[in-house]
């Protein structure tokens, strides 16, 4: 075998057995900040603005709000715990939110928790909500992001990235969505 063949075989083997954490890169502070700082795709007249509770139930508003999926924070199957190995990734989110809030003091970010489709819908709503609350708690407690600038919701399996009934790590994620432009 040539050196090229051995190197190629080793590269294929490493890629084939790479963990989900290695498969998805964490967006940078600048990218998170830039995505959340964009203008919404829909301008809402003041009399049409809604409460946070109403926003969570309005998919057309959800789609229009600036957002970014954070797949790089890996939740174990059936868990809302953010392990210590993910702490540096949460710090990147905190830095981006801190910078955003320095410029937009009235910004409100909705932290959406998501799950895969394994288990009952009711359980997945609870689990995904717990994931969102877990991230909010860590951002507030460990990084000083003001709680009033963050809201949470669990969407369970409603917005799967990979439509499957099987266990799928890419569906176990959080999404950050800036919603202040839609709120009364």
Protein backbone atom coordinates (compact mmCIF):
# COMPACT_ATOMS: atom_id res chain seq x y z
CA UNK A 1 0.00 0.00 0.00
CA UNK A 2 1.15 3.48 -0.74
CA UNK A 3 1.37 6.18 1.87
CA UNK A 4 -1.46 8.02 0.11
CA UNK A 5 -3.75 4.95 0.36
CA UNK A 6 -2.98 4.47 4.05
CA UNK A 7 -3.56 8.17 4.78
CA UNK A 8 -6.85 8.16 2.88
CA UNK A 9 -8.02 5.00 4.68
CA UNK A 10 -7.15 6.54 8.06
CA UNK A 11 -9.01 9.74 7.19
CA UNK A 12 -12.10 7.79 6.15
CA UNK A 13 -12.00 5.73 9.35
CA UNK A 14 -11.72 8.81 11.57
CA UNK A 15 -14.55 10.56 9.72
CA UNK A 16 -16.80 7.51 9.85
CA UNK A 17 -16.47 7.20 13.61
CA UNK A 18 -16.44 10.90 14.46
CA UNK A 19 -18.74 11.88 17.29
CA UNK A 20 -21.73 14.15 16.75
CA UNK A 21 -19.91 16.86 18.70
CA UNK A 22 -17.13 16.85 16.16
CA UNK A 23 -19.57 16.83 13.27
CA UNK A 24 -21.16 20.21 14.11
CA UNK A 25 -19.00 23.28 14.66
CA UNK A 26 -19.98 25.90 17.20
CA UNK A 27 -20.77 29.21 15.52
CA UNK A 28 -18.51 32.08 16.53
CA UNK A 29 -19.50 34.93 18.83
CA UNK A 30 -19.58 37.22 15.80
CA UNK A 31 -21.82 34.89 13.76
CA UNK A 32 -24.33 34.44 16.59
CA UNK A 33 -24.39 38.18 17.20
CA UNK A 34 -24.75 38.97 13.48
CA UNK A 35 -27.60 36.48 12.99
CA UNK A 36 -29.55 37.76 16.00
CA UNK A 37 -28.93 41.39 15.05
CA UNK A 38 -30.57 41.03 11.62
CA UNK A 39 -33.83 42.76 10.88
CA UNK A 40 -36.90 40.53 11.07
CA UNK A 41 -38.34 39.35 7.75
CA UNK A 42 -41.71 40.75 8.78
CA UNK A 43 -42.44 44.25 10.07
CA UNK A 44 -45.17 44.29 12.71
CA UNK A 45 -47.31 47.38 13.23
CA UNK A 46 -47.49 48.43 16.89
CA UNK A 47 -51.16 47.43 17.23
CA UNK A 48 -50.35 43.92 15.92
CA UNK A 49 -47.55 43.21 18.41
CA UNK A 50 -48.05 40.28 20.77
CA UNK A 51 -47.08 38.98 24.19
CA UNK A 52 -44.29 36.42 24.61
CA UNK A 53 -46.91 33.74 25.19
CA UNK A 54 -48.69 34.62 21.95
CA UNK A 55 -45.41 34.75 20.03
CA UNK A 56 -44.61 31.18 21.02
CA UNK A 57 -47.82 30.02 19.34
CA UNK A 58 -47.42 32.03 16.11
CA UNK A 59 -45.30 30.06 13.60
CA UNK A 60 -45.39 32.92 11.07
CA UNK A 61 -43.74 35.24 13.63
CA UNK A 62 -41.30 32.51 14.63
CA UNK A 63 -40.16 32.07 11.01
CA UNK A 64 -39.73 35.84 10.56
CA UNK A 65 -37.63 36.50 13.67
CA UNK A 66 -33.82 36.56 13.40
CA UNK A 67 -32.43 33.26 14.68
CA UNK A 68 -29.61 30.76 14.77
CA UNK A 69 -29.69 27.02 15.49
CA UNK A 70 -27.06 25.87 17.95
CA UNK A 71 -26.52 22.20 17.22
CA UNK A 72 -23.07 22.18 18.76
CA UNK A 73 -24.38 21.96 22.32
CA UNK A 74 -24.88 18.26 22.60
CA UNK A 75 -27.60 16.97 24.87
CA UNK A 76 -27.44 13.31 25.69
CA UNK A 77 -30.43 11.21 24.78
CA UNK A 78 -33.27 11.83 27.29
CA UNK A 79 -31.34 14.57 29.10
CA UNK A 80 -31.54 18.33 29.64
CA UNK A 81 -28.20 18.50 31.44
CA UNK A 82 -25.52 20.64 29.82
CA UNK A 83 -22.33 18.71 30.60
CA UNK A 84 -19.14 20.51 31.67
CA UNK A 85 -17.60 19.64 28.29
CA UNK A 86 -20.10 22.07 26.71
CA UNK A 87 -19.30 24.99 29.04
CA UNK A 88 -17.02 26.77 26.55
CA UNK A 89 -19.80 26.65 23.95
CA UNK A 90 -22.24 28.25 26.37
CA UNK A 91 -19.61 30.92 27.02
CA UNK A 92 -19.59 31.75 23.30
CA UNK A 93 -23.37 32.21 23.38
CA UNK A 94 -23.05 34.37 26.51
CA UNK A 95 -20.41 36.58 24.86
CA UNK A 96 -22.65 37.04 21.79
CA UNK A 97 -25.70 37.88 23.93
CA UNK A 98 -23.64 40.26 26.06
CA UNK A 99 -22.49 42.12 22.93
CA UNK A 100 -26.01 42.17 21.51
CA UNK A 101 -27.46 43.54 24.77
CA UNK A 102 -24.76 46.22 24.93
CA UNK A 103 -26.11 47.62 21.66
CA UNK A 104 -29.79 46.67 22.05
CA UNK A 105 -30.59 46.96 25.73
CA UNK A 106 -34.25 46.04 25.09
CA UNK A 107 -33.41 42.85 23.16
CA UNK A 108 -35.28 39.70 24.16
CA UNK A 109 -33.99 36.32 23.02
CA UNK A 110 -36.24 33.29 22.97
CA UNK A 111 -34.30 30.12 23.77
CA UNK A 112 -36.07 27.25 22.04
CA UNK A 113 -35.43 23.71 23.15
CA UNK A 114 -35.88 20.86 20.67
CA UNK A 115 -35.88 17.08 20.93
CA UNK A 116 -35.81 14.13 18.59
CA UNK A 117 -39.02 12.20 17.89
CA UNK A 118 -38.36 9.22 20.18
CA UNK A 119 -40.90 9.04 23.00
CA UNK A 120 -44.30 10.64 23.45
CA UNK A 121 -45.05 14.14 22.19
CA UNK A 122 -45.94 15.28 25.72
CA UNK A 123 -42.66 13.99 27.13
CA UNK A 124 -40.67 15.61 24.30
CA UNK A 125 -42.32 18.98 25.00
CA UNK A 126 -41.29 18.69 28.66
CA UNK A 127 -37.75 17.57 27.79
CA UNK A 128 -37.19 20.30 25.21
CA UNK A 129 -38.54 22.94 27.61
CA UNK A 130 -36.14 21.65 30.28
CA UNK A 131 -33.26 21.99 27.78
CA UNK A 132 -34.16 25.61 27.07
CA UNK A 133 -34.50 26.38 30.79
CA UNK A 134 -31.18 24.66 31.48
CA UNK A 135 -29.38 26.93 29.00
CA UNK A 136 -31.12 30.05 30.33
CA UNK A 137 -30.21 29.14 33.91
CA UNK A 138 -26.55 28.61 32.99
CA UNK A 139 -26.37 31.85 30.97
CA UNK A 140 -27.85 33.84 33.86
CA UNK A 141 -26.10 32.12 36.77
CA UNK A 142 -22.64 31.51 35.32
CA UNK A 143 -22.29 34.33 32.78
CA UNK A 144 -24.44 37.17 34.13
CA UNK A 145 -26.84 37.43 31.20
CA UNK A 146 -29.95 39.14 32.63
CA UNK A 147 -32.89 36.75 33.00
CA UNK A 148 -35.30 39.43 31.77
CA UNK A 149 -33.57 39.36 28.36
CA UNK A 150 -34.29 35.64 27.86
CA UNK A 151 -37.48 33.65 27.48
CA UNK A 152 -37.76 29.89 26.99
CA UNK A 153 -40.01 27.47 25.18
CA UNK A 154 -39.91 23.78 24.39
CA UNK A 155 -41.10 22.75 20.94
CA UNK A 156 -40.43 19.04 21.36
CA UNK A 157 -40.41 17.35 17.98
CA UNK A 158 -42.42 20.08 16.21
CA UNK A 159 -39.48 21.46 14.24
CA UNK A 160 -37.25 18.50 13.40
CA UNK A 161 -34.18 19.29 11.31
CA UNK A 162 -33.94 15.64 10.28
CA UNK A 163 -37.44 14.17 9.84
CA UNK A 164 -37.17 10.74 11.43
CA UNK A 165 -38.85 8.76 14.19
CA UNK A 166 -35.43 7.45 15.25
CA UNK A 167 -32.98 8.85 17.74
CA UNK A 168 -31.23 11.74 15.92
CA UNK A 169 -28.68 13.94 17.74
CA UNK A 170 -29.09 16.83 15.26
CA UNK A 171 -32.68 17.30 16.42
CA UNK A 172 -31.58 17.63 20.08
CA UNK A 173 -30.61 21.28 19.96
CA UNK A 174 -31.42 24.82 21.00
CA UNK A 175 -32.34 27.73 18.79
CA UNK A 176 -31.78 31.36 19.73
CA UNK A 177 -34.38 33.75 18.31
CA UNK A 178 -34.52 37.54 18.87
CA UNK A 179 -38.18 38.41 19.41
CA UNK A 180 -38.28 41.97 20.83
CA UNK A 181 -39.48 43.46 17.50
CA UNK A 182 -42.67 41.40 17.83
CA UNK A 183 -43.50 42.16 21.47
CA UNK A 184 -45.80 44.77 22.99
